[in-house]
Amino acid sequence: MSTEVPQAEDTAETDDVVRELGHDEFDPVGTASLIVVYFLILVLLWGFMYFIEFLGNGPTVIG
């Protein structure tokens, strides 16, 4: 019965292992949906600031 203690070089190989995502774990529709939602928020906020800062009339926070 041999009880072998792992050497430092044996454990170093397992520390560098990166978990790879399989095809089923990556959701391109969900990722694209998040990007579209963030972009729409950005566009809406930009439009709101355009009316407030440059045109001086239109949507306002305080009437």
PDB file of N, CA and C in Angstrom:
ATOM      1  N   MET A   1       0.835  -1.168   0.000  1.00  0.00           N
ATOM      2  CA  MET A   1       0.000   0.000   0.000  1.00  0.00           C
ATOM      3  C   MET A   1       0.886   1.239   0.000  1.00  0.00           C
ATOM      4  N   SER A   2       0.778   1.989  -1.055  1.00  0.00           N
ATOM      5  CA  SER A   2       1.629   3.158  -1.219  1.00  0.00           C
ATOM      6  C   SER A   2       0.794   4.429  -1.052  1.00  0.00           C
ATOM      7  N   THR A   3       1.194   5.267  -0.122  1.00  0.00           N
ATOM      8  CA  THR A   3       0.520   6.562   0.048  1.00  0.00           C
ATOM      9  C   THR A   3       1.464   7.639  -0.464  1.00  0.00           C
ATOM     10  N   GLU A   4       1.169   8.095  -1.649  1.00  0.00           N
ATOM     11  CA  GLU A   4       2.033   9.062  -2.299  1.00  0.00           C
ATOM     12  C   GLU A   4       1.472  10.469  -2.111  1.00  0.00           C
ATOM     13  N   VAL A   5       2.308  11.376  -1.653  1.00  0.00           N
ATOM     14  CA  VAL A   5       1.899  12.767  -1.443  1.00  0.00           C
ATOM     15  C   VAL A   5       2.104  13.513  -2.761  1.00  0.00           C
ATOM     16  N   PRO A   6       1.073  14.235  -3.235  1.00  0.00           N
ATOM     17  CA  PRO A   6       1.258  14.950  -4.502  1.00  0.00           C
ATOM     18  C   PRO A   6       2.314  16.044  -4.378  1.00  0.00           C
ATOM     19  N   GLN A   7       3.119  16.118  -5.382  1.00  0.00           N
ATOM     20  CA  GLN A   7       4.171  17.123  -5.414  1.00  0.00           C
ATOM     21  C   GLN A   7       3.607  18.458  -5.876  1.00  0.00           C
ATOM     22  N   ALA A   8       4.351  19.519  -5.686  1.00  0.00           N
ATOM     23  CA  ALA A   8       3.910  20.869  -6.050  1.00  0.00           C
ATOM     24  C   ALA A   8       3.660  20.977  -7.555  1.00  0.00           C
ATOM     25  N   GLU A   9       4.471  20.277  -8.337  1.00  0.00           N
ATOM     26  CA  GLU A   9       4.295  20.369  -9.791  1.00  0.00           C
ATOM     27  C   GLU A   9       3.029  19.655 -10.259  1.00  0.00           C
ATOM     28  N   ASP A  10       2.582  18.629  -9.502  1.00  0.00           N
ATOM     29  CA  ASP A  10       1.339  17.954  -9.853  1.00  0.00           C
ATOM     30  C   ASP A  10       0.135  18.858  -9.612  1.00  0.00           C
ATOM     31  N   THR A  11       0.130  19.587  -8.514  1.00  0.00           N
ATOM     32  CA  THR A  11      -1.007  20.455  -8.209  1.00  0.00           C
ATOM     33  C   THR A  11      -0.991  21.715  -9.070  1.00  0.00           C
ATOM     34  N   ALA A  12       0.161  22.138  -9.534  1.00  0.00           N
ATOM     35  CA  ALA A  12       0.241  23.335 -10.370  1.00  0.00           C
ATOM     36  C   ALA A  12      -0.468  23.118 -11.707  1.00  0.00           C
ATOM     37  N   GLU A  13      -0.445  21.892 -12.194  1.00  0.00           N
ATOM     38  CA  GLU A  13      -1.113  21.609 -13.460  1.00  0.00           C
ATOM     39  C   GLU A  13      -2.627  21.729 -13.318  1.00  0.00           C
ATOM     40  N   THR A  14      -3.175  21.317 -12.192  1.00  0.00           N
ATOM     41  CA  THR A  14      -4.629  21.387 -12.003  1.00  0.00           C
ATOM     42  C   THR A  14      -5.091  22.801 -11.675  1.00  0.00           C
ATOM     43  N   ASP A  15      -4.225  23.664 -11.155  1.00  0.00           N
ATOM     44  CA  ASP A  15      -4.605  25.044 -10.846  1.00  0.00           C
ATOM     45  C   ASP A  15      -4.833  25.863 -12.114  1.00  0.00           C
ATOM     46  N   ASP A  16      -4.195  25.502 -13.206  1.00  0.00           N
ATOM     47  CA  ASP A  16      -4.292  26.266 -14.442  1.00  0.00           C
ATOM     48  C   ASP A  16      -5.468  25.842 -15.312  1.00  0.00           C
ATOM     49  N   VAL A  17      -6.252  24.884 -14.862  1.00  0.00           N
ATOM     50  CA  VAL A  17      -7.367  24.396 -15.660  1.00  0.00           C
ATOM     51  C   VAL A  17      -8.463  25.451 -15.676  1.00  0.00           C
ATOM     52  N   VAL A  18      -8.920  25.779 -16.861  1.00  0.00           N
ATOM     53  CA  VAL A  18      -9.991  26.757 -17.034  1.00  0.00           C
ATOM     54  C   VAL A  18     -11.254  25.998 -17.409  1.00  0.00           C
ATOM     55  N   ARG A  19     -12.354  26.344 -16.779  1.00  0.00           N
ATOM     56  CA  ARG A  19     -13.616  25.667 -17.078  1.00  0.00           C
ATOM     57  C   ARG A  19     -14.126  26.178 -18.416  1.00  0.00           C
ATOM     58  N   GLU A  20     -14.304  25.284 -19.344  1.00  0.00           N
ATOM     59  CA  GLU A  20     -14.788  25.653 -20.663  1.00  0.00           C
ATOM     60  C   GLU A  20     -16.298  25.567 -20.705  1.00  0.00           C
ATOM     61  N   LEU A  21     -16.924  26.533 -21.360  1.00  0.00           N
ATOM     62  CA  LEU A  21     -18.368  26.509 -21.522  1.00  0.00           C
ATOM     63  C   LEU A  21     -18.730  25.651 -22.710  1.00  0.00           C
ATOM     64  N   GLY A  22     -19.662  24.764 -22.493  1.00  0.00           N
ATOM     65  CA  GLY A  22     -20.143  23.953 -23.592  1.00  0.00           C
ATOM     66  C   GLY A  22     -21.171  24.720 -24.403  1.00  0.00           C
ATOM     67  N   HIS A  23     -21.629  24.134 -25.461  1.00  0.00           N
ATOM     68  CA  HIS A  23     -22.595  24.785 -26.340  1.00  0.00           C
ATOM     69  C   HIS A  23     -23.909  25.066 -25.622  1.00  0.00           C
ATOM     70  N   ASP A  24     -24.330  24.172 -24.747  1.00  0.00           N
ATOM     71  CA  ASP A  24     -25.603  24.325 -24.052  1.00  0.00           C
ATOM     72  C   ASP A  24     -25.551  25.361 -22.939  1.00  0.00           C
ATOM     73  N   GLU A  25     -24.363  25.725 -22.465  1.00  0.00           N
ATOM     74  CA  GLU A  25     -24.238  26.658 -21.359  1.00  0.00           C
ATOM     75  C   GLU A  25     -24.191  28.114 -21.811  1.00  0.00           C
ATOM     76  N   PHE A  26     -23.966  28.374 -23.060  1.00  0.00           N
ATOM     77  CA  PHE A  26     -23.890  29.735 -23.582  1.00  0.00           C
ATOM     78  C   PHE A  26     -25.214  30.092 -24.219  1.00  0.00           C
ATOM     79  N   ASP A  27     -25.792  31.214 -23.796  1.00  0.00           N
ATOM     80  CA  ASP A  27     -27.102  31.626 -24.289  1.00  0.00           C
ATOM     81  C   ASP A  27     -26.949  32.899 -25.121  1.00  0.00           C
ATOM     82  N   PRO A  28     -26.783  32.782 -26.441  1.00  0.00           N
ATOM     83  CA  PRO A  28     -26.590  33.978 -27.265  1.00  0.00           C
ATOM     84  C   PRO A  28     -27.829  34.859 -27.307  1.00  0.00           C
ATOM     85  N   VAL A  29     -29.013  34.285 -27.173  1.00  0.00           N
ATOM     86  CA  VAL A  29     -30.239  35.095 -27.206  1.00  0.00           C
ATOM     87  C   VAL A  29     -30.314  35.953 -25.945  1.00  0.00           C
ATOM     88  N   GLY A  30     -29.987  35.392 -24.812  1.00  0.00           N
ATOM     89  CA  GLY A  30     -29.994  36.150 -23.565  1.00  0.00           C
ATOM     90  C   GLY A  30     -28.961  37.260 -23.573  1.00  0.00           C
ATOM     91  N   THR A  31     -27.792  36.976 -24.103  1.00  0.00           N
ATOM     92  CA  THR A  31     -26.740  37.983 -24.192  1.00  0.00           C
ATOM     93  C   THR A  31     -27.156  39.106 -25.126  1.00  0.00           C
ATOM     94  N   ALA A  32     -27.700  38.765 -26.264  1.00  0.00           N
ATOM     95  CA  ALA A  32     -28.160  39.781 -27.210  1.00  0.00           C
ATOM     96  C   ALA A  32     -29.304  40.595 -26.616  1.00  0.00           C
ATOM     97  N   SER A  33     -30.178  39.954 -25.854  1.00  0.00           N
ATOM     98  CA  SER A  33     -31.293  40.673 -25.227  1.00  0.00           C
ATOM     99  C   SER A  33     -30.781  41.703 -24.228  1.00  0.00           C
ATOM    100  N   LEU A  34     -29.797  41.340 -23.431  1.00  0.00           N
ATOM    101  CA  LEU A  34     -29.222  42.292 -22.488  1.00  0.00           C
ATOM    102  C   LEU A  34     -28.583  43.477 -23.202  1.00  0.00           C
ATOM    103  N   ILE A  35     -27.869  43.209 -24.280  1.00  0.00           N
ATOM    104  CA  ILE A  35     -27.238  44.289 -25.036  1.00  0.00           C
ATOM    105  C   ILE A  35     -28.289  45.221 -25.612  1.00  0.00           C
ATOM    106  N   VAL A  36     -29.366  44.672 -26.153  1.00  0.00           N
ATOM    107  CA  VAL A  36     -30.436  45.495 -26.723  1.00  0.00           C
ATOM    108  C   VAL A  36     -31.111  46.324 -25.638  1.00  0.00           C
ATOM    109  N   VAL A  37     -31.375  45.729 -24.489  1.00  0.00           N
ATOM    110  CA  VAL A  37     -32.013  46.476 -23.394  1.00  0.00           C
ATOM    111  C   VAL A  37     -31.120  47.613 -22.934  1.00  0.00           C
ATOM    112  N   TYR A  38     -29.830  47.358 -22.754  1.00  0.00           N
ATOM    113  CA  TYR A  38     -28.909  48.414 -22.337  1.00  0.00           C
ATOM    114  C   TYR A  38     -28.831  49.513 -23.392  1.00  0.00           C
ATOM    115  N   PHE A  39     -28.839  49.144 -24.646  1.00  0.00           N
ATOM    116  CA  PHE A  39     -28.782  50.132 -25.716  1.00  0.00           C
ATOM    117  C   PHE A  39     -30.051  50.983 -25.729  1.00  0.00           C
ATOM    118  N   LEU A  40     -31.210  50.370 -25.529  1.00  0.00           N
ATOM    119  CA  LEU A  40     -32.460  51.132 -25.494  1.00  0.00           C
ATOM    120  C   LEU A  40     -32.498  52.101 -24.313  1.00  0.00           C
ATOM    121  N   ILE A  41     -32.002  51.667 -23.159  1.00  0.00           N
ATOM    122  CA  ILE A  41     -31.919  52.575 -22.018  1.00  0.00           C
ATOM    123  C   ILE A  41     -31.018  53.751 -22.340  1.00  0.00           C
ATOM    124  N   LEU A  42     -29.888  53.480 -22.969  1.00  0.00           N
ATOM    125  CA  LEU A  42     -28.958  54.539 -23.351  1.00  0.00           C
ATOM    126  C   LEU A  42     -29.610  55.518 -24.315  1.00  0.00           C
ATOM    127  N   VAL A  43     -30.323  55.026 -25.313  1.00  0.00           N
ATOM    128  CA  VAL A  43     -30.977  55.886 -26.293  1.00  0.00           C
ATOM    129  C   VAL A  43     -32.076  56.716 -25.635  1.00  0.00           C
ATOM    130  N   LEU A  44     -32.869  56.103 -24.760  1.00  0.00           N
ATOM    131  CA  LEU A  44     -33.927  56.847 -24.082  1.00  0.00           C
ATOM    132  C   LEU A  44     -33.360  57.949 -23.194  1.00  0.00           C
ATOM    133  N   LEU A  45     -32.312  57.651 -22.462  1.00  0.00           N
ATOM    134  CA  LEU A  45     -31.703  58.674 -21.613  1.00  0.00           C
ATOM    135  C   LEU A  45     -31.059  59.774 -22.439  1.00  0.00           C
ATOM    136  N   TRP A  46     -30.444  59.418 -23.549  1.00  0.00           N
ATOM    137  CA  TRP A  46     -29.857  60.435 -24.417  1.00  0.00           C
ATOM    138  C   TRP A  46     -30.951  61.345 -24.973  1.00  0.00           C
ATOM    139  N   GLY A  47     -32.063  60.766 -25.423  1.00  0.00           N
ATOM    140  CA  GLY A  47     -33.163  61.572 -25.943  1.00  0.00           C
ATOM    141  C   GLY A  47     -33.735  62.494 -24.889  1.00  0.00           C
ATOM    142  N   PHE A  48     -33.878  62.011 -23.684  1.00  0.00           N
ATOM    143  CA  PHE A  48     -34.378  62.837 -22.593  1.00  0.00           C
ATOM    144  C   PHE A  48     -33.440  64.005 -22.325  1.00  0.00           C
ATOM    145  N   MET A  49     -32.140  63.746 -22.286  1.00  0.00           N
ATOM    146  CA  MET A  49     -31.160  64.816 -22.058  1.00  0.00           C
ATOM    147  C   MET A  49     -31.126  65.792 -23.225  1.00  0.00           C
ATOM    148  N   TYR A  50     -31.368  65.345 -24.423  1.00  0.00           N
ATOM    149  CA  TYR A  50     -31.377  66.221 -25.585  1.00  0.00           C
ATOM    150  C   TYR A  50     -32.481  67.271 -25.440  1.00  0.00           C
ATOM    151  N   PHE A  51     -33.675  66.824 -25.040  1.00  0.00           N
ATOM    152  CA  PHE A  51     -34.781  67.764 -24.871  1.00  0.00           C
ATOM    153  C   PHE A  51     -34.507  68.746 -23.741  1.00  0.00           C
ATOM    154  N   ILE A  52     -33.897  68.275 -22.663  1.00  0.00           N
ATOM    155  CA  ILE A  52     -33.659  69.150 -21.516  1.00  0.00           C
ATOM    156  C   ILE A  52     -32.526  70.127 -21.799  1.00  0.00           C
ATOM    157  N   GLU A  53     -31.412  69.664 -22.306  1.00  0.00           N
ATOM    158  CA  GLU A  53     -30.224  70.488 -22.429  1.00  0.00           C
ATOM    159  C   GLU A  53     -30.228  71.389 -23.661  1.00  0.00           C
ATOM    160  N   PHE A  54     -30.666  70.890 -24.797  1.00  0.00           N
ATOM    161  CA  PHE A  54     -30.480  71.629 -26.036  1.00  0.00           C
ATOM    162  C   PHE A  54     -31.724  72.317 -26.554  1.00  0.00           C
ATOM    163  N   LEU A  55     -32.856  71.672 -26.451  1.00  0.00           N
ATOM    164  CA  LEU A  55     -34.056  72.297 -26.994  1.00  0.00           C
ATOM    165  C   LEU A  55     -34.739  73.204 -25.985  1.00  0.00           C
ATOM    166  N   GLY A  56     -34.612  72.887 -24.726  1.00  0.00           N
ATOM    167  CA  GLY A  56     -35.200  73.736 -23.699  1.00  0.00           C
ATOM    168  C   GLY A  56     -36.704  73.580 -23.565  1.00  0.00           C
ATOM    169  N   ASN A  57     -37.323  72.773 -24.377  1.00  0.00           N
ATOM    170  CA  ASN A  57     -38.742  72.508 -24.232  1.00  0.00           C
ATOM    171  C   ASN A  57     -39.004  71.040 -24.513  1.00  0.00           C
ATOM    172  N   GLY A  58     -40.061  70.536 -24.001  1.00  0.00           N
ATOM    173  CA  GLY A  58     -40.362  69.124 -24.184  1.00  0.00           C
ATOM    174  C   GLY A  58     -40.403  68.432 -22.849  1.00  0.00           C
ATOM    175  N   PRO A  59     -40.020  67.177 -22.785  1.00  0.00           N
ATOM    176  CA  PRO A  59     -40.104  66.441 -21.525  1.00  0.00           C
ATOM    177  C   PRO A  59     -39.235  67.074 -20.451  1.00  0.00           C
ATOM    178  N   THR A  60     -39.803  67.288 -19.288  1.00  0.00           N
ATOM    179  CA  THR A  60     -39.041  67.864 -18.174  1.00  0.00           C
ATOM    180  C   THR A  60     -39.305  67.066 -16.914  1.00  0.00           C
ATOM    181  N   VAL A  61     -38.381  67.182 -15.986  1.00  0.00           N
ATOM    182  CA  VAL A  61     -38.526  66.509 -14.701  1.00  0.00           C
ATOM    183  C   VAL A  61     -39.461  67.333 -13.813  1.00  0.00           C
ATOM    184  N   ILE A  62     -39.235  68.636 -13.785  1.00  0.00           N
ATOM    185  CA  ILE A  62     -40.054  69.553 -12.987  1.00  0.00           C
ATOM    186  C   ILE A  62     -40.795  70.451 -13.950  1.00  0.00           C
ATOM    187  N   GLY A  63     -42.133  70.437 -13.910  1.00  0.00           N
ATOM    188  CA  GLY A  63     -42.957  71.192 -14.834  1.00  0.00           C
ATOM    189  C   GLY A  63     -42.785  72.631 -14.656  1.00  0.00           C
TER     190      GLY A  63
END
